[in-house]
C-alpha atoms as a PDB file:
ATOM      1  CA  MET A   1      95.765  92.814 105.890  1.00  0.00           C
ATOM      2  CA  PRO A   2      95.882  93.720 109.595  1.00  0.00           C
ATOM      3  CA  PHE A   3      97.964  91.618 111.930  1.00  0.00           C
ATOM      4  CA  SER A   4      99.105  91.674 115.545  1.00  0.00           C
ATOM      5  CA  TYR A   5     102.162  93.481 116.895  1.00  0.00           C
ATOM      6  CA  PRO A   6     103.905  90.171 117.766  1.00  0.00           C
ATOM      7  CA  MET A   7     103.344  89.040 114.173  1.00  0.00           C
ATOM      8  CA  PHE A   8     104.765  92.358 112.904  1.00  0.00           C
ATOM      9  CA  ARG A   9     107.878  91.879 115.079  1.00  0.00           C
ATOM     10  CA  GLU A  10     108.376  88.362 113.685  1.00  0.00           C
ATOM     11  CA  ILE A  11     108.112  89.608 110.091  1.00  0.00           C
ATOM     12  CA  GLU A  12     110.492  92.476 110.890  1.00  0.00           C
ATOM     13  CA  ARG A  13     112.999  90.094 112.465  1.00  0.00           C
ATOM     14  CA  GLY A  14     112.961  87.772 109.462  1.00  0.00           C
ATOM     15  CA  GLN A  15     113.127  90.264 106.610  1.00  0.00           C
ATOM     16  CA  ARG A  16     116.451  91.156 104.979  1.00  0.00           C
ATOM     17  CA  VAL A  17     115.336  93.379 102.077  1.00  0.00           C
ATOM     18  CA  PHE A  18     114.479  96.687 103.746  1.00  0.00           C
ATOM     19  CA  SER A  19     116.444  98.841 106.188  1.00  0.00           C
ATOM     20  CA  GLY A  20     113.433  98.656 108.514  1.00  0.00           C
ATOM     21  CA  LEU A  21     109.696  98.126 108.663  1.00  0.00           C
ATOM     22  CA  VAL A  22     107.099 100.405 110.217  1.00  0.00           C
ATOM     23  CA  GLY A  23     103.638  99.677 111.495  1.00  0.00           C
ATOM     24  CA  TRP A  24     100.614 101.787 112.321  1.00  0.00           C
ATOM     25  CA  SER A  25      96.998 101.436 113.339  1.00  0.00           C
ATOM     26  CA  VAL A  26      94.139 103.219 111.654  1.00  0.00           C
ATOM     27  CA  GLY A  27      93.337 104.964 114.923  1.00  0.00           C
ATOM     28  CA  GLY A  28      90.188 106.869 115.683  1.00  0.00           C
ATOM     29  CA  MET A  29      88.739 110.191 116.768  1.00  0.00           C
ATOM     30  CA  PHE A  30      89.482 111.219 120.338  1.00  0.00           C
ATOM     31  CA  ASN A  31      88.647 114.207 122.493  1.00  0.00           C
ATOM     32  CA  ILE A  32      91.878 116.012 123.366  1.00  0.00           C
ATOM     33  CA  GLU A  33      92.780 119.092 125.360  1.00  0.00           C
ATOM     34  CA  VAL A  34      95.732 121.345 124.495  1.00  0.00           C
ATOM     35  CA  ASN A  35      96.297 124.629 126.344  1.00  0.00           C
ATOM     36  CA  ARG A  36      92.830 124.323 127.954  1.00  0.00           C
ATOM     37  CA  ALA A  37      91.159 124.142 124.500  1.00  0.00           C
ATOM     38  CA  LEU A  38      89.057 121.060 123.747  1.00  0.00           C
ATOM     39  CA  SER A  39      89.008 119.537 120.295  1.00  0.00           C
ATOM     40  CA  GLN A  40      88.571 116.246 118.472  1.00  0.00           C
ATOM     41  CA  SER A  41      91.537 114.799 116.664  1.00  0.00           C
ATOM     42  CA  ARG A  42      92.413 111.650 114.763  1.00  0.00           C
ATOM     43  CA  VAL A  43      94.968 109.639 116.709  1.00  0.00           C
ATOM     44  CA  ALA A  44      96.882 106.585 115.451  1.00  0.00           C
ATOM     45  CA  ASP A  45      99.383 104.202 117.052  1.00  0.00           C
ATOM     46  CA  VAL A  46     102.747 103.785 115.313  1.00  0.00           C
ATOM     47  CA  THR A  47     105.790 101.626 115.957  1.00  0.00           C
ATOM     48  CA  GLY A  48     108.713 103.208 117.790  1.00  0.00           C
ATOM     49  CA  ASN A  49     110.817 103.456 114.641  1.00  0.00           C
ATOM     50  CA  TYR A  50     108.058 105.009 112.503  1.00  0.00           C
ATOM     51  CA  TYR A  51     109.460 108.531 112.300  1.00  0.00           C
ATOM     52  CA  SER A  52     113.148 107.605 112.179  1.00  0.00           C
ATOM     53  CA  GLU A  53     112.577 105.200 109.276  1.00  0.00           C
ATOM     54  CA  LEU A  54     110.771 107.968 107.409  1.00  0.00           C
ATOM     55  CA  GLY A  55     113.590 110.402 108.254  1.00  0.00           C
ATOM     56  CA  VAL A  56     111.274 112.891 109.958  1.00  0.00           C
ATOM     57  CA  TYR A  57     110.567 114.086 113.500  1.00  0.00           C
ATOM     58  CA  PRO A  58     107.155 113.964 115.227  1.00  0.00           C
ATOM     59  CA  SER A  59     105.525 117.241 116.190  1.00  0.00           C
ATOM     60  CA  LEU A  60     102.531 118.363 118.166  1.00  0.00           C
ATOM     61  CA  ARG A  61     100.360 120.918 116.479  1.00  0.00           C
ATOM     62  CA  ALA A  62      99.083 123.041 119.337  1.00  0.00           C
ATOM     63  CA  ILE A  63      95.727 124.758 119.341  1.00  0.00           C
ATOM     64  CA  ALA A  64      95.986 128.517 119.903  1.00  0.00           C
ATOM     65  CA  ASP A  65      94.436 129.923 123.082  1.00  0.00           C
ATOM     66  CA  PRO A  66      91.071 131.599 122.404  1.00  0.00           C
END
């Protein structure tokens, strides 16, 4: 069930079971440009602790120059 970011923060503040909670949006398709190459990519919003809670680091997959 989707809910607002302020509601997420309130749930996060009140929970005592997990080491942390993460949130994300479904996102959508966006036109992006990397190294002068245009493409469409799925983009989603995540909370600031998303990657650290999962124990991973974010990366940008670059498009090779033509």
